[in-house]
Amino acid sequence: MTQQTMNANDADISEESQRELALGDLKQAAQHELAAGVLKQAAQDLRRFHNATSRIERELYFDAHRWVMSDDYSWPFSFPNVCQILNREPEELRQELVGDLAFGHFGQWTRRCGRAVRRFVGSLAERPAIANDLSTPLPVRLVQTWH
């Protein structure tokens, strides 16, 4: 085998490997989107049909509730597998989905806002702190308001 043939084979393997990696990334992104969609639908069904009166709506609620409470790993988009795909803890997510229902609409929004505030504060803690450096000039408007 000549050096040129070996280089050509290496280039083919390299291109093939790149295609496989790109396809793997695409599959992983599609799987993540599908898992997020399944979870979103279950969350909507749990909220929307929590106090349902019609037989069909109650069935939608109980179907979503059974799915969330299940610990079955045997099918690809079971609740535990969806949690794993989305990198979430099943028990924590269950509490968010089912635990909020006992509080009614106001309580759900209160808890949701509380979680959003905690995430926001946590994201601020992750940012590098800005030193209180008085040598840095302040904007003129701020300087004027202090006098």
Protein backbone atom coordinates (compact mmCIF):
# COMPACT_ATOMS: atom_id res chain seq x y z
CA MET A 1 0.00 0.00 0.00
CA THR A 2 1.41 3.37 -0.93
CA GLN A 3 1.62 6.43 1.30
CA GLN A 4 -0.91 8.21 -0.93
CA THR A 5 -3.44 5.37 -0.52
CA MET A 6 -2.96 5.40 3.26
CA ASN A 7 -3.50 9.16 3.39
CA ALA A 8 -6.67 8.81 1.29
CA ASN A 9 -7.98 6.10 3.65
CA ASP A 10 -7.21 8.31 6.68
CA ALA A 11 -9.11 11.20 5.09
CA ASP A 12 -12.12 8.93 4.41
CA ILE A 13 -12.10 7.70 8.01
CA SER A 14 -11.78 11.23 9.27
CA GLU A 15 -14.73 12.46 7.18
CA GLU A 16 -16.77 9.42 8.16
CA SER A 17 -15.99 9.95 11.84
CA GLN A 18 -16.97 13.59 11.57
CA ARG A 19 -20.28 12.64 9.94
CA GLU A 20 -20.95 10.07 12.67
CA LEU A 21 -20.18 12.61 15.39
CA ALA A 22 -22.44 15.20 13.76
CA LEU A 23 -25.21 12.62 13.39
CA GLY A 24 -24.78 11.60 17.03
CA ASP A 25 -25.06 15.23 18.14
CA LEU A 26 -28.17 15.67 16.00
CA LYS A 27 -29.76 12.53 17.47
CA GLN A 28 -28.93 13.66 21.00
CA ALA A 29 -30.44 17.11 20.36
CA ALA A 30 -33.59 15.55 18.88
CA GLN A 31 -33.88 13.17 21.83
CA HIS A 32 -33.49 16.08 24.25
CA GLU A 33 -36.20 18.09 22.46
CA LEU A 34 -38.58 15.14 22.41
CA ALA A 35 -38.00 14.43 26.11
CA ALA A 36 -38.62 18.10 26.94
CA GLY A 37 -41.82 18.02 24.88
CA VAL A 38 -43.11 14.89 26.62
CA LEU A 39 -42.39 16.44 30.02
CA LYS A 40 -44.03 19.73 29.05
CA GLN A 41 -47.18 17.93 27.89
CA ALA A 42 -47.39 15.96 31.13
CA ALA A 43 -46.96 19.15 33.17
CA GLN A 44 -49.71 20.87 31.17
CA ASP A 45 -52.06 17.91 31.59
CA LEU A 46 -51.43 17.79 35.33
CA ARG A 47 -52.18 21.50 35.75
CA ARG A 48 -55.01 21.79 33.27
CA PHE A 49 -56.96 18.70 34.26
CA HIS A 50 -56.25 18.64 38.02
CA ASN A 51 -59.88 19.39 38.92
CA ALA A 52 -61.40 17.91 35.79
CA THR A 53 -65.03 16.86 35.79
CA SER A 54 -65.35 15.08 32.46
CA ARG A 55 -64.30 11.46 32.12
CA ILE A 56 -61.84 12.17 29.30
CA GLU A 57 -60.15 15.03 31.14
CA ARG A 58 -59.84 12.94 34.31
CA GLU A 59 -58.28 10.17 32.25
CA LEU A 60 -55.73 12.64 30.79
CA TYR A 61 -54.86 13.79 34.30
CA PHE A 62 -54.48 10.26 35.68
CA ASP A 63 -52.42 9.19 32.67
CA ALA A 64 -49.98 12.07 33.23
CA HIS A 65 -49.94 11.41 36.99
CA ARG A 66 -49.19 7.69 36.50
CA TRP A 67 -46.38 8.57 34.09
CA VAL A 68 -44.79 11.04 36.52
CA MET A 69 -45.05 8.67 39.49
CA SER A 70 -43.69 5.66 37.58
CA ASP A 71 -40.20 4.31 38.23
CA ASP A 72 -40.22 2.15 35.09
CA TYR A 73 -37.02 2.38 33.06
CA SER A 74 -38.13 -0.18 30.46
CA TRP A 75 -39.28 2.19 27.74
CA PRO A 76 -37.22 5.02 26.25
CA PHE A 77 -39.37 7.97 27.31
CA SER A 78 -40.46 6.82 30.74
CA PHE A 79 -40.34 9.51 33.41
CA PRO A 80 -36.99 8.39 34.91
CA ASN A 81 -35.42 8.18 31.45
CA VAL A 82 -36.74 11.63 30.51
CA CYS A 83 -35.26 13.00 33.74
CA GLN A 84 -31.93 11.41 32.87
CA ILE A 85 -31.99 12.87 29.34
CA LEU A 86 -32.80 16.32 30.74
CA ASN A 87 -30.27 15.95 33.56
CA ARG A 88 -32.88 16.39 36.31
CA GLU A 89 -33.45 14.47 39.53
CA PRO A 90 -36.74 12.48 39.28
CA GLU A 91 -37.82 13.11 42.89
CA GLU A 92 -37.17 16.84 42.66
CA LEU A 93 -39.06 17.10 39.38
CA ARG A 94 -41.94 15.00 40.75
CA GLN A 95 -42.23 17.40 43.66
CA GLU A 96 -42.35 20.35 41.27
CA LEU A 97 -44.98 18.73 39.06
CA VAL A 98 -47.26 17.00 41.56
CA GLY A 99 -46.46 18.84 44.78
CA ASP A 100 -47.52 22.19 43.33
CA LEU A 101 -51.01 20.88 42.55
CA ALA A 102 -52.02 20.79 46.21
CA PHE A 103 -51.49 24.55 46.51
CA GLY A 104 -53.94 25.60 43.80
CA HIS A 105 -53.19 28.18 41.11
CA PHE A 106 -52.00 30.92 43.45
CA GLY A 107 -49.71 28.56 45.31
CA GLN A 108 -48.33 27.16 42.06
CA TRP A 109 -47.41 30.63 40.85
CA THR A 110 -45.96 31.56 44.24
CA ARG A 111 -43.72 28.51 44.28
CA ARG A 112 -42.78 28.96 40.63
CA CYS A 113 -41.78 32.59 41.27
CA GLY A 114 -39.80 31.51 44.33
CA ARG A 115 -37.88 28.95 42.25
CA ALA A 116 -37.22 31.57 39.56
CA VAL A 117 -35.87 33.99 42.16
CA ARG A 118 -33.62 31.29 43.65
CA ARG A 119 -32.28 30.43 40.19
CA PHE A 120 -31.69 34.10 39.45
CA VAL A 121 -29.84 34.66 42.72
CA GLY A 122 -27.81 31.51 42.07
CA SER A 123 -26.86 32.76 38.61
CA LEU A 124 -25.69 36.04 40.14
CA ALA A 125 -23.47 34.12 42.54
CA GLU A 126 -21.86 32.32 39.59
CA ARG A 127 -20.81 35.59 37.94
CA PRO A 128 -17.48 37.07 38.94
CA ALA A 129 -17.86 39.75 41.58
CA ILE A 130 -17.10 43.30 40.50
CA ALA A 131 -14.67 44.92 42.90
CA ASN A 132 -15.71 48.16 44.55
CA ASP A 133 -13.00 50.07 42.80
CA LEU A 134 -13.46 53.80 43.35
CA SER A 135 -10.75 54.60 40.81
CA THR A 136 -13.13 53.52 38.04
CA PRO A 137 -15.08 56.58 36.90
CA LEU A 138 -18.81 56.38 37.45
CA PRO A 139 -21.29 57.51 34.84
CA VAL A 140 -22.01 61.25 35.14
CA ARG A 141 -25.68 60.74 36.02
CA LEU A 142 -24.82 58.55 39.01
CA VAL A 143 -22.23 61.00 40.28
CA GLN A 144 -24.70 63.85 40.03
CA THR A 145 -27.40 62.01 42.02
CA TRP A 146 -25.06 61.49 44.95
CA HIS A 147 -24.52 65.23 45.57
